[in-house]
Amino acid sequence: MPVKGRRSIAICRRCNGAIAVRIVSDGSIRPIGTGTHCSCGGDSFDVIGSPESVPNDSTE
């Protein structure tokens, strides 16, 4: 089942790479396409900018 939530961009705290993420309803940040971690293995992220205006029930 796809993760639902607002899309945004975040910086991985481990490798400083920019990645696309979803911000889910509980406030957690989930990378898009890599599961729960960055491709470097990092699992802490800083969201940058404003999240897109995408309804929380979007499956895109």
PDB file of N, CA and C in Angstrom:
ATOM      1  N   MET A   1       0.853  -1.180   0.000  1.00  0.00           N
ATOM      2  CA  MET A   1       0.000   0.000   0.000  1.00  0.00           C
ATOM      3  C   MET A   1       0.900   1.245   0.000  1.00  0.00           C
ATOM      4  N   PRO A   2       0.613   2.207  -0.854  1.00  0.00           N
ATOM      5  CA  PRO A   2       1.443   3.416  -0.910  1.00  0.00           C
ATOM      6  C   PRO A   2       1.332   4.255   0.358  1.00  0.00           C
ATOM      7  N   VAL A   3       2.422   4.937   0.685  1.00  0.00           N
ATOM      8  CA  VAL A   3       2.426   5.865   1.809  1.00  0.00           C
ATOM      9  C   VAL A   3       1.684   7.119   1.389  1.00  0.00           C
ATOM     10  N   LYS A   4       0.785   7.600   2.246  1.00  0.00           N
ATOM     11  CA  LYS A   4       0.024   8.812   1.955  1.00  0.00           C
ATOM     12  C   LYS A   4       0.572   9.963   2.775  1.00  0.00           C
ATOM     13  N   GLY A   5       0.553  11.147   2.206  1.00  0.00           N
ATOM     14  CA  GLY A   5       1.022  12.318   2.932  1.00  0.00           C
ATOM     15  C   GLY A   5       1.446  13.421   1.990  1.00  0.00           C
ATOM     16  N   ARG A   6       1.824  14.545   2.582  1.00  0.00           N
ATOM     17  CA  ARG A   6       2.266  15.703   1.790  1.00  0.00           C
ATOM     18  C   ARG A   6       3.674  15.467   1.286  1.00  0.00           C
ATOM     19  N   ARG A   7       3.929  15.892   0.065  1.00  0.00           N
ATOM     20  CA  ARG A   7       5.268  15.748  -0.507  1.00  0.00           C
ATOM     21  C   ARG A   7       6.097  16.994  -0.220  1.00  0.00           C
ATOM     22  N   SER A   8       7.383  16.784  -0.053  1.00  0.00           N
ATOM     23  CA  SER A   8       8.303  17.890   0.182  1.00  0.00           C
ATOM     24  C   SER A   8       9.708  17.430  -0.180  1.00  0.00           C
ATOM     25  N   ILE A   9      10.682  18.278   0.087  1.00  0.00           N
ATOM     26  CA  ILE A   9      12.093  17.956  -0.097  1.00  0.00           C
ATOM     27  C   ILE A   9      12.760  18.026   1.271  1.00  0.00           C
ATOM     28  N   ALA A  10      13.676  17.111   1.519  1.00  0.00           N
ATOM     29  CA  ALA A  10      14.388  17.102   2.789  1.00  0.00           C
ATOM     30  C   ALA A  10      15.868  16.849   2.538  1.00  0.00           C
ATOM     31  N   ILE A  11      16.678  17.222   3.516  1.00  0.00           N
ATOM     32  CA  ILE A  11      18.114  16.974   3.494  1.00  0.00           C
ATOM     33  C   ILE A  11      18.415  15.872   4.505  1.00  0.00           C
ATOM     34  N   CYS A  12      19.117  14.851   4.047  1.00  0.00           N
ATOM     35  CA  CYS A  12      19.538  13.770   4.941  1.00  0.00           C
ATOM     36  C   CYS A  12      20.618  14.321   5.867  1.00  0.00           C
ATOM     37  N   ARG A  13      20.472  14.092   7.151  1.00  0.00           N
ATOM     38  CA  ARG A  13      21.459  14.582   8.123  1.00  0.00           C
ATOM     39  C   ARG A  13      22.766  13.800   8.069  1.00  0.00           C
ATOM     40  N   ARG A  14      22.732  12.611   7.508  1.00  0.00           N
ATOM     41  CA  ARG A  14      23.944  11.782   7.449  1.00  0.00           C
ATOM     42  C   ARG A  14      24.824  12.138   6.247  1.00  0.00           C
ATOM     43  N   CYS A  15      24.222  12.247   5.036  1.00  0.00           N
ATOM     44  CA  CYS A  15      25.032  12.475   3.836  1.00  0.00           C
ATOM     45  C   CYS A  15      24.816  13.857   3.215  1.00  0.00           C
ATOM     46  N   ASN A  16      23.871  14.635   3.781  1.00  0.00           N
ATOM     47  CA  ASN A  16      23.526  15.967   3.266  1.00  0.00           C
ATOM     48  C   ASN A  16      22.929  15.935   1.863  1.00  0.00           C
ATOM     49  N   GLY A  17      22.439  14.780   1.443  1.00  0.00           N
ATOM     50  CA  GLY A  17      21.795  14.665   0.140  1.00  0.00           C
ATOM     51  C   GLY A  17      20.347  15.140   0.205  1.00  0.00           C
ATOM     52  N   ALA A  18      19.883  15.751  -0.876  1.00  0.00           N
ATOM     53  CA  ALA A  18      18.487  16.188  -0.971  1.00  0.00           C
ATOM     54  C   ALA A  18      17.654  15.037  -1.524  1.00  0.00           C
ATOM     55  N   ILE A  19      16.519  14.757  -0.879  1.00  0.00           N
ATOM     56  CA  ILE A  19      15.651  13.683  -1.337  1.00  0.00           C
ATOM     57  C   ILE A  19      14.195  14.110  -1.254  1.00  0.00           C
ATOM     58  N   ALA A  20      13.371  13.504  -2.109  1.00  0.00           N
ATOM     59  CA  ALA A  20      11.926  13.717  -2.059  1.00  0.00           C
ATOM     60  C   ALA A  20      11.368  12.896  -0.898  1.00  0.00           C
ATOM     61  N   VAL A  21      10.468  13.500  -0.131  1.00  0.00           N
ATOM     62  CA  VAL A  21       9.884  12.823   1.031  1.00  0.00           C
ATOM     63  C   VAL A  21       8.382  13.035   1.088  1.00  0.00           C
ATOM     64  N   ARG A  22       7.740  12.231   1.887  1.00  0.00           N
ATOM     65  CA  ARG A  22       6.341  12.432   2.268  1.00  0.00           C
ATOM     66  C   ARG A  22       6.307  12.690   3.765  1.00  0.00           C
ATOM     67  N   ILE A  23       5.486  13.661   4.154  1.00  0.00           N
ATOM     68  CA  ILE A  23       5.274  13.950   5.570  1.00  0.00           C
ATOM     69  C   ILE A  23       3.917  13.351   5.908  1.00  0.00           C
ATOM     70  N   VAL A  24       3.915  12.289   6.683  1.00  0.00           N
ATOM     71  CA  VAL A  24       2.679  11.564   6.974  1.00  0.00           C
ATOM     72  C   VAL A  24       1.941  12.201   8.147  1.00  0.00           C
ATOM     73  N   SER A  25       0.715  11.777   8.349  1.00  0.00           N
ATOM     74  CA  SER A  25      -0.173  12.427   9.319  1.00  0.00           C
ATOM     75  C   SER A  25       0.369  12.435  10.746  1.00  0.00           C
ATOM     76  N   ASP A  26       1.230  11.483  11.105  1.00  0.00           N
ATOM     77  CA  ASP A  26       1.792  11.474  12.462  1.00  0.00           C
ATOM     78  C   ASP A  26       3.025  12.371  12.578  1.00  0.00           C
ATOM     79  N   GLY A  27       3.389  13.061  11.462  1.00  0.00           N
ATOM     80  CA  GLY A  27       4.514  13.978  11.479  1.00  0.00           C
ATOM     81  C   GLY A  27       5.834  13.354  11.063  1.00  0.00           C
ATOM     82  N   SER A  28       5.845  12.042  10.873  1.00  0.00           N
ATOM     83  CA  SER A  28       7.097  11.403  10.463  1.00  0.00           C
ATOM     84  C   SER A  28       7.401  11.721   9.001  1.00  0.00           C
ATOM     85  N   ILE A  29       8.675  11.632   8.666  1.00  0.00           N
ATOM     86  CA  ILE A  29       9.167  11.950   7.326  1.00  0.00           C
ATOM     87  C   ILE A  29       9.618  10.654   6.682  1.00  0.00           C
ATOM     88  N   ARG A  30       9.045  10.338   5.511  1.00  0.00           N
ATOM     89  CA  ARG A  30       9.368   9.097   4.808  1.00  0.00           C
ATOM     90  C   ARG A  30       9.940   9.400   3.440  1.00  0.00           C
ATOM     91  N   PRO A  31      11.156   8.974   3.145  1.00  0.00           N
ATOM     92  CA  PRO A  31      11.707   9.159   1.809  1.00  0.00           C
ATOM     93  C   PRO A  31      10.844   8.457   0.767  1.00  0.00           C
ATOM     94  N   ILE A  32      10.719   9.051  -0.401  1.00  0.00           N
ATOM     95  CA  ILE A  32       9.956   8.442  -1.483  1.00  0.00           C
ATOM     96  C   ILE A  32      10.885   7.544  -2.287  1.00  0.00           C
ATOM     97  N   GLY A  33      10.535   6.290  -2.401  1.00  0.00           N
ATOM     98  CA  GLY A  33      11.285   5.358  -3.223  1.00  0.00           C
ATOM     99  C   GLY A  33      12.411   4.606  -2.538  1.00  0.00           C
ATOM    100  N   THR A  34      12.728   4.936  -1.298  1.00  0.00           N
ATOM    101  CA  THR A  34      13.817   4.233  -0.612  1.00  0.00           C
ATOM    102  C   THR A  34      13.377   3.612   0.709  1.00  0.00           C
ATOM    103  N   GLY A  35      12.095   3.524   0.955  1.00  0.00           N
ATOM    104  CA  GLY A  35      11.610   2.949   2.208  1.00  0.00           C
ATOM    105  C   GLY A  35      11.644   3.960   3.334  1.00  0.00           C
ATOM    106  N   THR A  36      12.231   3.597   4.449  1.00  0.00           N
ATOM    107  CA  THR A  36      12.262   4.494   5.608  1.00  0.00           C
ATOM    108  C   THR A  36      13.607   5.175   5.802  1.00  0.00           C
ATOM    109  N   HIS A  37      14.573   4.881   4.933  1.00  0.00           N
ATOM    110  CA  HIS A  37      15.914   5.436   5.052  1.00  0.00           C
ATOM    111  C   HIS A  37      16.349   6.076   3.748  1.00  0.00           C
ATOM    112  N   CYS A  38      17.318   6.957   3.835  1.00  0.00           N
ATOM    113  CA  CYS A  38      18.003   7.509   2.665  1.00  0.00           C
ATOM    114  C   CYS A  38      18.818   6.371   2.037  1.00  0.00           C
ATOM    115  N   SER A  39      19.205   6.520   0.791  1.00  0.00           N
ATOM    116  CA  SER A  39      20.016   5.484   0.151  1.00  0.00           C
ATOM    117  C   SER A  39      21.368   5.293   0.848  1.00  0.00           C
ATOM    118  N   CYS A  40      21.821   6.289   1.639  1.00  0.00           N
ATOM    119  CA  CYS A  40      23.072   6.158   2.402  1.00  0.00           C
ATOM    120  C   CYS A  40      22.857   5.395   3.706  1.00  0.00           C
ATOM    121  N   GLY A  41      21.601   5.153   4.074  1.00  0.00           N
ATOM    122  CA  GLY A  41      21.291   4.467   5.326  1.00  0.00           C
ATOM    123  C   GLY A  41      20.823   5.407   6.422  1.00  0.00           C
ATOM    124  N   GLY A  42      20.936   6.728   6.179  1.00  0.00           N
ATOM    125  CA  GLY A  42      20.493   7.700   7.173  1.00  0.00           C
ATOM    126  C   GLY A  42      18.986   7.676   7.376  1.00  0.00           C
ATOM    127  N   ASP A  43      18.559   7.995   8.597  1.00  0.00           N
ATOM    128  CA  ASP A  43      17.120   7.994   8.877  1.00  0.00           C
ATOM    129  C   ASP A  43      16.649   9.275   9.555  1.00  0.00           C
ATOM    130  N   SER A  44      17.472  10.328   9.521  1.00  0.00           N
ATOM    131  CA  SER A  44      17.100  11.633  10.075  1.00  0.00           C
ATOM    132  C   SER A  44      17.159  12.658   8.954  1.00  0.00           C
ATOM    133  N   PHE A  45      16.099  13.489   8.875  1.00  0.00           N
ATOM    134  CA  PHE A  45      15.965  14.418   7.770  1.00  0.00           C
ATOM    135  C   PHE A  45      15.509  15.784   8.249  1.00  0.00           C
ATOM    136  N   ASP A  46      15.938  16.828   7.537  1.00  0.00           N
ATOM    137  CA  ASP A  46      15.465  18.186   7.769  1.00  0.00           C
ATOM    138  C   ASP A  46      14.676  18.615   6.545  1.00  0.00           C
ATOM    139  N   VAL A  47      13.375  18.867   6.720  1.00  0.00           N
ATOM    140  CA  VAL A  47      12.528  19.307   5.615  1.00  0.00           C
ATOM    141  C   VAL A  47      12.897  20.740   5.262  1.00  0.00           C
ATOM    142  N   ILE A  48      13.020  21.014   3.971  1.00  0.00           N
ATOM    143  CA  ILE A  48      13.319  22.369   3.517  1.00  0.00           C
ATOM    144  C   ILE A  48      12.138  22.893   2.708  1.00  0.00           C
ATOM    145  N   GLY A  49      11.925  24.193   2.751  1.00  0.00           N
ATOM    146  CA  GLY A  49      10.833  24.792   2.000  1.00  0.00           C
ATOM    147  C   GLY A  49       9.476  24.394   2.539  1.00  0.00           C
ATOM    148  N   SER A  50       8.460  24.714   1.773  1.00  0.00           N
ATOM    149  CA  SER A  50       7.078  24.400   2.142  1.00  0.00           C
ATOM    150  C   SER A  50       6.627  23.146   1.425  1.00  0.00           C
ATOM    151  N   PRO A  51       5.907  22.262   2.120  1.00  0.00           N
ATOM    152  CA  PRO A  51       5.382  21.084   1.462  1.00  0.00           C
ATOM    153  C   PRO A  51       4.398  21.465   0.370  1.00  0.00           C
ATOM    154  N   GLU A  52       4.293  20.618  -0.639  1.00  0.00           N
ATOM    155  CA  GLU A  52       3.316  20.828  -1.703  1.00  0.00           C
ATOM    156  C   GLU A  52       1.909  20.794  -1.134  1.00  0.00           C
ATOM    157  N   SER A  53       1.015  21.444  -1.814  1.00  0.00           N
ATOM    158  CA  SER A  53      -0.391  21.401  -1.438  1.00  0.00           C
ATOM    159  C   SER A  53      -1.035  20.173  -2.070  1.00  0.00           C
ATOM    160  N   VAL A  54      -0.781  19.020  -1.457  1.00  0.00           N
ATOM    161  CA  VAL A  54      -1.331  17.757  -1.917  1.00  0.00           C
ATOM    162  C   VAL A  54      -2.188  17.208  -0.797  1.00  0.00           C
ATOM    163  N   PRO A  55      -3.432  16.830  -1.092  1.00  0.00           N
ATOM    164  CA  PRO A  55      -4.283  16.291  -0.034  1.00  0.00           C
ATOM    165  C   PRO A  55      -3.619  15.083   0.622  1.00  0.00           C
ATOM    166  N   ASN A  56      -3.833  14.921   1.912  1.00  0.00           N
ATOM    167  CA  ASN A  56      -3.215  13.819   2.661  1.00  0.00           C
ATOM    168  C   ASN A  56      -3.620  12.453   2.170  1.00  0.00           C
ATOM    169  N   ASP A  57      -4.745  12.349   1.466  1.00  0.00           N
ATOM    170  CA  ASP A  57      -5.170  11.034   0.982  1.00  0.00           C
ATOM    171  C   ASP A  57      -4.703  10.764  -0.436  1.00  0.00           C
ATOM    172  N   SER A  58      -3.820  11.580  -0.968  1.00  0.00           N
ATOM    173  CA  SER A  58      -3.288  11.379  -2.313  1.00  0.00           C
ATOM    174  C   SER A  58      -2.428  10.124  -2.346  1.00  0.00           C
ATOM    175  N   THR A  59      -2.477   9.389  -3.427  1.00  0.00           N
ATOM    176  CA  THR A  59      -1.653   8.190  -3.569  1.00  0.00           C
ATOM    177  C   THR A  59      -0.544   8.406  -4.572  1.00  0.00           C
ATOM    178  N   GLU A  60      -0.329   9.610  -5.028  1.00  0.00           N
ATOM    179  CA  GLU A  60       0.753   9.884  -5.975  1.00  0.00           C
ATOM    180  C   GLU A  60       2.092   9.832  -5.297  1.00  0.00           C
TER     181      GLU A  60
END
